[in-house]
PDB file of N, CA and C in Angstrom:
ATOM      1  N   MET A   1     146.720 102.643  79.448  1.00  0.00           N
ATOM      2  CA  MET A   1     146.517 103.044  80.824  1.00  0.00           C
ATOM      3  C   MET A   1     145.023 103.000  81.152  1.00  0.00           C
ATOM      4  N   LEU A   2     144.698 102.637  82.324  1.00  0.00           N
ATOM      5  CA  LEU A   2     143.328 102.505  82.787  1.00  0.00           C
ATOM      6  C   LEU A   2     142.735 103.877  83.083  1.00  0.00           C
ATOM      7  N   ASP A   3     141.628 104.198  82.424  1.00  0.00           N
ATOM      8  CA  ASP A   3     140.941 105.469  82.644  1.00  0.00           C
ATOM      9  C   ASP A   3     139.849 105.239  83.684  1.00  0.00           C
ATOM     10  N   LEU A   4     140.075 105.746  84.899  1.00  0.00           N
ATOM     11  CA  LEU A   4     139.140 105.495  85.992  1.00  0.00           C
ATOM     12  C   LEU A   4     137.783 106.150  85.757  1.00  0.00           C
ATOM     13  N   ALA A   5     137.752 107.300  85.116  1.00  0.00           N
ATOM     14  CA  ALA A   5     136.474 107.968  84.843  1.00  0.00           C
ATOM     15  C   ALA A   5     135.640 107.138  83.873  1.00  0.00           C
ATOM     16  N   GLU A   6     136.279 106.600  82.858  1.00  0.00           N
ATOM     17  CA  GLU A   6     135.568 105.757  81.887  1.00  0.00           C
ATOM     18  C   GLU A   6     135.099 104.461  82.544  1.00  0.00           C
ATOM     19  N   LEU A   7     135.928 103.877  83.387  1.00  0.00           N
ATOM     20  CA  LEU A   7     135.556 102.669  84.107  1.00  0.00           C
ATOM     21  C   LEU A   7     134.361 102.937  85.021  1.00  0.00           C
ATOM     22  N   ALA A   8     134.349 104.076  85.688  1.00  0.00           N
ATOM     23  CA  ALA A   8     133.233 104.438  86.564  1.00  0.00           C
ATOM     24  C   ALA A   8     131.944 104.611  85.767  1.00  0.00           C
ATOM     25  N   ARG A   9     132.033 105.261  84.610  1.00  0.00           N
ATOM     26  CA  ARG A   9     130.849 105.433  83.744  1.00  0.00           C
ATOM     27  C   ARG A   9     130.311 104.093  83.272  1.00  0.00           C
ATOM     28  N   ASP A  10     131.220 103.220  82.826  1.00  0.00           N
ATOM     29  CA  ASP A  10     130.803 101.903  82.344  1.00  0.00           C
ATOM     30  C   ASP A  10     130.180 101.070  83.464  1.00  0.00           C
ATOM     31  N   THR A  11     130.755 101.158  84.653  1.00  0.00           N
ATOM     32  CA  THR A  11     130.214 100.421  85.793  1.00  0.00           C
ATOM     33  C   THR A  11     128.836 100.941  86.177  1.00  0.00           C
ATOM     34  N   ALA A  12     128.657 102.256  86.168  1.00  0.00           N
ATOM     35  CA  ALA A  12     127.352 102.846  86.483  1.00  0.00           C
ATOM     36  C   ALA A  12     126.315 102.434  85.446  1.00  0.00           C
ATOM     37  N   ARG A  13     126.683 102.451  84.185  1.00  0.00           N
ATOM     38  CA  ARG A  13     125.763 102.051  83.112  1.00  0.00           C
ATOM     39  C   ARG A  13     125.376 100.580  83.269  1.00  0.00           C
ATOM     40  N   ALA A  14     126.344  99.736  83.549  1.00  0.00           N
ATOM     41  CA  ALA A  14     126.062  98.313  83.749  1.00  0.00           C
ATOM     42  C   ALA A  14     125.135  98.118  84.948  1.00  0.00           C
ATOM     43  N   GLY A  15     125.347  98.883  85.991  1.00  0.00           N
ATOM     44  CA  GLY A  15     124.486  98.804  87.167  1.00  0.00           C
ATOM     45  C   GLY A  15     123.057  99.198  86.852  1.00  0.00           C
ATOM     46  N   ARG A  16     122.879 100.239  86.046  1.00  0.00           N
ATOM     47  CA  ARG A  16     121.523 100.664  85.653  1.00  0.00           C
ATOM     48  C   ARG A  16     120.837  99.582  84.829  1.00  0.00           C
ATOM     49  N   TYR A  17     121.559  98.991  83.879  1.00  0.00           N
ATOM     50  CA  TYR A  17     120.984  97.918  83.058  1.00  0.00           C
ATOM     51  C   TYR A  17     120.630  96.701  83.912  1.00  0.00           C
ATOM     52  N   LEU A  18     121.494  96.362  84.836  1.00  0.00           N
ATOM     53  CA  LEU A  18     121.232  95.216  85.711  1.00  0.00           C
ATOM     54  C   LEU A  18     120.011  95.489  86.586  1.00  0.00           C
ATOM     55  N   THR A  19     119.926  96.680  87.145  1.00  0.00           N
ATOM     56  CA  THR A  19     118.775  97.042  87.973  1.00  0.00           C
ATOM     57  C   THR A  19     117.494  96.979  87.167  1.00  0.00           C
ATOM     58  N   GLN A  20     117.509  97.541  85.970  1.00  0.00           N
ATOM     59  CA  GLN A  20     116.321  97.515  85.113  1.00  0.00           C
ATOM     60  C   GLN A  20     115.926  96.072  84.790  1.00  0.00           C
ATOM     61  N   SER A  21     116.897  95.236  84.466  1.00  0.00           N
ATOM     62  CA  SER A  21     116.610  93.835  84.135  1.00  0.00           C
ATOM     63  C   SER A  21     116.008  93.098  85.325  1.00  0.00           C
ATOM     64  N   LEU A  22     116.580  93.292  86.502  1.00  0.00           N
ATOM     65  CA  LEU A  22     116.064  92.619  87.685  1.00  0.00           C
ATOM     66  C   LEU A  22     114.650  93.085  88.016  1.00  0.00           C
ATOM     67  N   ARG A  23     114.394  94.374  87.883  1.00  0.00           N
ATOM     68  CA  ARG A  23     113.040  94.878  88.147  1.00  0.00           C
ATOM     69  C   ARG A  23     112.036  94.271  87.175  1.00  0.00           C
ATOM     70  N   LEU A  24     112.407  94.181  85.915  1.00  0.00           N
ATOM     71  CA  LEU A  24     111.498  93.591  84.930  1.00  0.00           C
ATOM     72  C   LEU A  24     111.262  92.110  85.200  1.00  0.00           C
ATOM     73  N   MET A  25     112.279  91.410  85.685  1.00  0.00           N
ATOM     74  CA  MET A  25     112.133  89.987  85.984  1.00  0.00           C
ATOM     75  C   MET A  25     111.122  89.736  87.096  1.00  0.00           C
ATOM     76  N   VAL A  26     111.065  90.633  88.062  1.00  0.00           N
ATOM     77  CA  VAL A  26     110.139  90.440  89.183  1.00  0.00           C
ATOM     78  C   VAL A  26     108.846  91.221  88.996  1.00  0.00           C
ATOM     79  N   GLY A  27     108.707  91.907  87.863  1.00  0.00           N
ATOM     80  CA  GLY A  27     107.444  92.566  87.547  1.00  0.00           C
ATOM     81  C   GLY A  27     107.319  93.999  87.995  1.00  0.00           C
ATOM     82  N   VAL A  28     108.400  94.650  88.363  1.00  0.00           N
ATOM     83  CA  VAL A  28     108.336  96.060  88.730  1.00  0.00           C
ATOM     84  C   VAL A  28     108.457  96.869  87.443  1.00  0.00           C
ATOM     85  N   PRO A  29     107.449  97.690  87.120  1.00  0.00           N
ATOM     86  CA  PRO A  29     107.473  98.434  85.867  1.00  0.00           C
ATOM     87  C   PRO A  29     108.542  99.521  85.854  1.00  0.00           C
ATOM     88  N   ASP A  30     108.988  99.888  84.658  1.00  0.00           N
ATOM     89  CA  ASP A  30     110.047 100.881  84.482  1.00  0.00           C
ATOM     90  C   ASP A  30     109.434 102.225  84.094  1.00  0.00           C
ATOM     91  N   TYR A  31     109.377 103.139  85.033  1.00  0.00           N
ATOM     92  CA  TYR A  31     108.763 104.443  84.822  1.00  0.00           C
ATOM     93  C   TYR A  31     109.542 105.272  83.786  1.00  0.00           C
ATOM     94  N   GLY A  32     110.853 105.162  83.784  1.00  0.00           N
ATOM     95  CA  GLY A  32     111.665 105.895  82.812  1.00  0.00           C
ATOM     96  C   GLY A  32     111.344 105.505  81.382  1.00  0.00           C
ATOM     97  N   SER A  33     111.175 104.216  81.138  1.00  0.00           N
ATOM     98  CA  SER A  33     110.813 103.747  79.798  1.00  0.00           C
ATOM     99  C   SER A  33     109.419 104.232  79.419  1.00  0.00           C
ATOM    100  N   TYR A  34     108.507 104.208  80.402  1.00  0.00           N
ATOM    101  CA  TYR A  34     107.157 104.716  80.157  1.00  0.00           C
ATOM    102  C   TYR A  34     107.209 106.185  79.745  1.00  0.00           C
ATOM    103  N   LEU A  35     107.991 106.997  80.461  1.00  0.00           N
ATOM    104  CA  LEU A  35     108.079 108.424  80.133  1.00  0.00           C
ATOM    105  C   LEU A  35     108.636 108.636  78.729  1.00  0.00           C
ATOM    106  N   ALA A  36     109.657 107.873  78.353  1.00  0.00           N
ATOM    107  CA  ALA A  36     110.221 107.998  77.007  1.00  0.00           C
ATOM    108  C   ALA A  36     109.194 107.600  75.953  1.00  0.00           C
ATOM    109  N   HIS A  37     108.477 106.495  76.181  1.00  0.00           N
ATOM    110  CA  HIS A  37     107.436 106.047  75.257  1.00  0.00           C
ATOM    111  C   HIS A  37     106.329 107.095  75.155  1.00  0.00           C
ATOM    112  N   HIS A  38     105.903 107.620  76.287  1.00  0.00           N
ATOM    113  CA  HIS A  38     104.815 108.594  76.317  1.00  0.00           C
ATOM    114  C   HIS A  38     105.207 109.859  75.555  1.00  0.00           C
ATOM    115  N   GLN A  39     106.418 110.334  75.770  1.00  0.00           N
ATOM    116  CA  GLN A  39     106.883 111.539  75.084  1.00  0.00           C
ATOM    117  C   GLN A  39     106.944 111.316  73.574  1.00  0.00           C
ATOM    118  N   ALA A  40     107.349 110.126  73.153  1.00  0.00           N
ATOM    119  CA  ALA A  40     107.485 109.839  71.727  1.00  0.00           C
ATOM    120  C   ALA A  40     106.136 109.622  71.043  1.00  0.00           C
ATOM    121  N   THR A  41     105.173 109.030  71.750  1.00  0.00           N
ATOM    122  CA  THR A  41     103.916 108.667  71.100  1.00  0.00           C
ATOM    123  C   THR A  41     102.727 109.539  71.468  1.00  0.00           C
ATOM    124  N   HIS A  42     102.820 110.249  72.587  1.00  0.00           N
ATOM    125  CA  HIS A  42     101.713 111.098  73.047  1.00  0.00           C
ATOM    126  C   HIS A  42     102.255 112.451  73.516  1.00  0.00           C
ATOM    127  N   PRO A  43     102.948 113.200  72.664  1.00  0.00           N
ATOM    128  CA  PRO A  43     103.637 114.407  73.122  1.00  0.00           C
ATOM    129  C   PRO A  43     102.715 115.515  73.651  1.00  0.00           C
ATOM    130  N   GLY A  44     101.465 115.555  73.243  1.00  0.00           N
ATOM    131  CA  GLY A  44     100.576 116.616  73.694  1.00  0.00           C
ATOM    132  C   GLY A  44      99.876 116.336  75.008  1.00  0.00           C
ATOM    133  N   ARG A  45     100.034 115.131  75.555  1.00  0.00           N
ATOM    134  CA  ARG A  45      99.335 114.754  76.782  1.00  0.00           C
ATOM    135  C   ARG A  45     100.303 114.662  77.949  1.00  0.00           C
ATOM    136  N   ALA A  46      99.795 114.980  79.123  1.00  0.00           N
ATOM    137  CA  ALA A  46     100.623 114.884  80.331  1.00  0.00           C
ATOM    138  C   ALA A  46     100.756 113.414  80.737  1.00  0.00           C
ATOM    139  N   PRO A  47     101.962 112.982  81.124  1.00  0.00           N
ATOM    140  CA  PRO A  47     102.132 111.590  81.555  1.00  0.00           C
ATOM    141  C   PRO A  47     101.547 111.375  82.952  1.00  0.00           C
ATOM    142  N   MET A  48     101.310 110.123  83.295  1.00  0.00           N
ATOM    143  CA  MET A  48     100.857 109.775  84.637  1.00  0.00           C
ATOM    144  C   MET A  48     101.985 110.045  85.630  1.00  0.00           C
ATOM    145  N   SER A  49     101.617 110.336  86.864  1.00  0.00           N
ATOM    146  CA  SER A  49     102.614 110.430  87.925  1.00  0.00           C
ATOM    147  C   SER A  49     103.156 109.025  88.182  1.00  0.00           C
ATOM    148  N   TYR A  50     104.249 108.925  88.919  1.00  0.00           N
ATOM    149  CA  TYR A  50     104.805 107.610  89.221  1.00  0.00           C
ATOM    150  C   TYR A  50     103.782 106.749  89.953  1.00  0.00           C
ATOM    151  N   GLU A  51     103.061 107.348  90.904  1.00  0.00           N
ATOM    152  CA  GLU A  51     102.069 106.600  91.678  1.00  0.00           C
ATOM    153  C   GLU A  51     100.940 106.093  90.783  1.00  0.00           C
ATOM    154  N   GLU A  52     100.432 106.942  89.891  1.00  0.00           N
ATOM    155  CA  GLU A  52      99.380 106.530  88.958  1.00  0.00           C
ATOM    156  C   GLU A  52      99.880 105.418  88.041  1.00  0.00           C
ATOM    157  N   PHE A  53     101.094 105.595  87.539  1.00  0.00           N
ATOM    158  CA  PHE A  53     101.699 104.603  86.653  1.00  0.00           C
ATOM    159  C   PHE A  53     101.837 103.258  87.360  1.00  0.00           C
ATOM    160  N   PHE A  54     102.337 103.280  88.581  1.00  0.00           N
ATOM    161  CA  PHE A  54     102.542 102.044  89.324  1.00  0.00           C
ATOM    162  C   PHE A  54     101.216 101.328  89.572  1.00  0.00           C
ATOM    163  N   ARG A  55     100.196 102.068  90.006  1.00  0.00           N
ATOM    164  CA  ARG A  55      98.876 101.465  90.243  1.00  0.00           C
ATOM    165  C   ARG A  55      98.296 100.877  88.958  1.00  0.00           C
ATOM    166  N   GLU A  56      98.421 101.610  87.853  1.00  0.00           N
ATOM    167  CA  GLU A  56      97.892 101.134  86.569  1.00  0.00           C
ATOM    168  C   GLU A  56      98.611  99.859  86.125  1.00  0.00           C
ATOM    169  N   ARG A  57      99.924  99.809  86.266  1.00  0.00           N
ATOM    170  CA  ARG A  57     100.690  98.623  85.866  1.00  0.00           C
ATOM    171  C   ARG A  57     100.348  97.423  86.748  1.00  0.00           C
ATOM    172  N   GLN A  58     100.166  97.655  88.052  1.00  0.00           N
ATOM    173  CA  GLN A  58      99.781  96.564  88.946  1.00  0.00           C
ATOM    174  C   GLN A  58      98.401  96.025  88.567  1.00  0.00           C
ATOM    175  N   ALA A  59      97.463  96.937  88.292  1.00  0.00           N
ATOM    176  CA  ALA A  59      96.115  96.519  87.892  1.00  0.00           C
ATOM    177  C   ALA A  59      96.168  95.731  86.585  1.00  0.00           C
ATOM    178  N   ALA A  60      96.972  96.191  85.639  1.00  0.00           N
ATOM    179  CA  ALA A  60      97.091  95.494  84.357  1.00  0.00           C
ATOM    180  C   ALA A  60      97.708  94.115  84.537  1.00  0.00           C
ATOM    181  N   ARG A  61      98.653  93.999  85.432  1.00  0.00           N
ATOM    182  CA  ARG A  61      99.330  92.725  85.632  1.00  0.00           C
ATOM    183  C   ARG A  61      98.433  91.695  86.301  1.00  0.00           C
ATOM    184  N   TYR A  62      97.656  92.137  87.275  1.00  0.00           N
ATOM    185  CA  TYR A  62      96.886  91.184  88.069  1.00  0.00           C
ATOM    186  C   TYR A  62      95.420  91.074  87.683  1.00  0.00           C
ATOM    187  N   SER A  63      94.998  91.765  86.662  1.00  0.00           N
ATOM    188  CA  SER A  63      93.609  91.633  86.216  1.00  0.00           C
ATOM    189  C   SER A  63      93.560  90.771  84.955  1.00  0.00           C
ATOM    190  N   ALA A  64      92.381  90.348  84.593  1.00  0.00           N
ATOM    191  CA  ALA A  64      92.198  89.525  83.400  1.00  0.00           C
ATOM    192  C   ALA A  64      91.955  90.388  82.160  1.00  0.00           C
ATOM    193  N   ARG A  65      92.015  91.681  82.341  1.00  0.00           N
ATOM    194  CA  ARG A  65      91.778  92.630  81.246  1.00  0.00           C
ATOM    195  C   ARG A  65      92.815  92.433  80.152  1.00  0.00           C
ATOM    196  N   VAL A  66      92.370  92.481  78.906  1.00  0.00           N
ATOM    197  CA  VAL A  66      93.271  92.339  77.759  1.00  0.00           C
ATOM    198  C   VAL A  66      93.312  93.663  77.030  1.00  0.00           C
ATOM    199  N   GLY A  67      94.498  94.099  76.646  1.00  0.00           N
ATOM    200  CA  GLY A  67      94.623  95.331  75.888  1.00  0.00           C
ATOM    201  C   GLY A  67      95.906  96.049  76.249  1.00  0.00           C
ATOM    202  N   LYS A  68      96.355  96.857  75.315  1.00  0.00           N
ATOM    203  CA  LYS A  68      97.571  97.623  75.520  1.00  0.00           C
ATOM    204  C   LYS A  68      97.389  99.019  74.956  1.00  0.00           C
ATOM    205  N   CYS A  69      98.292  99.874  75.275  1.00  0.00           N
ATOM    206  CA  CYS A  69      98.244 101.252  74.780  1.00  0.00           C
ATOM    207  C   CYS A  69      98.379 101.278  73.275  1.00  0.00           C
ATOM    208  N   CYS A  70      99.422 100.662  72.758  1.00  0.00           N
ATOM    209  CA  CYS A  70      99.714 100.782  71.326  1.00  0.00           C
ATOM    210  C   CYS A  70      99.803  99.424  70.663  1.00  0.00           C
TER     211      CYS A  70
END
């Protein structure tokens, strides 16, 4: 028998993955992934706000600067 709740969960999950993939394809950074990375690697420091994160990612993408966090 078809479980509608499970189907809804799977559809929502697929939608989130598709949205994330499309954003990455066009260069929109993923703030959720940044927060998870920041919490795992820099737990004692406060993360950037979404606005700060977005500006920093745009600057990194369009500048000739070389370098990464980790």
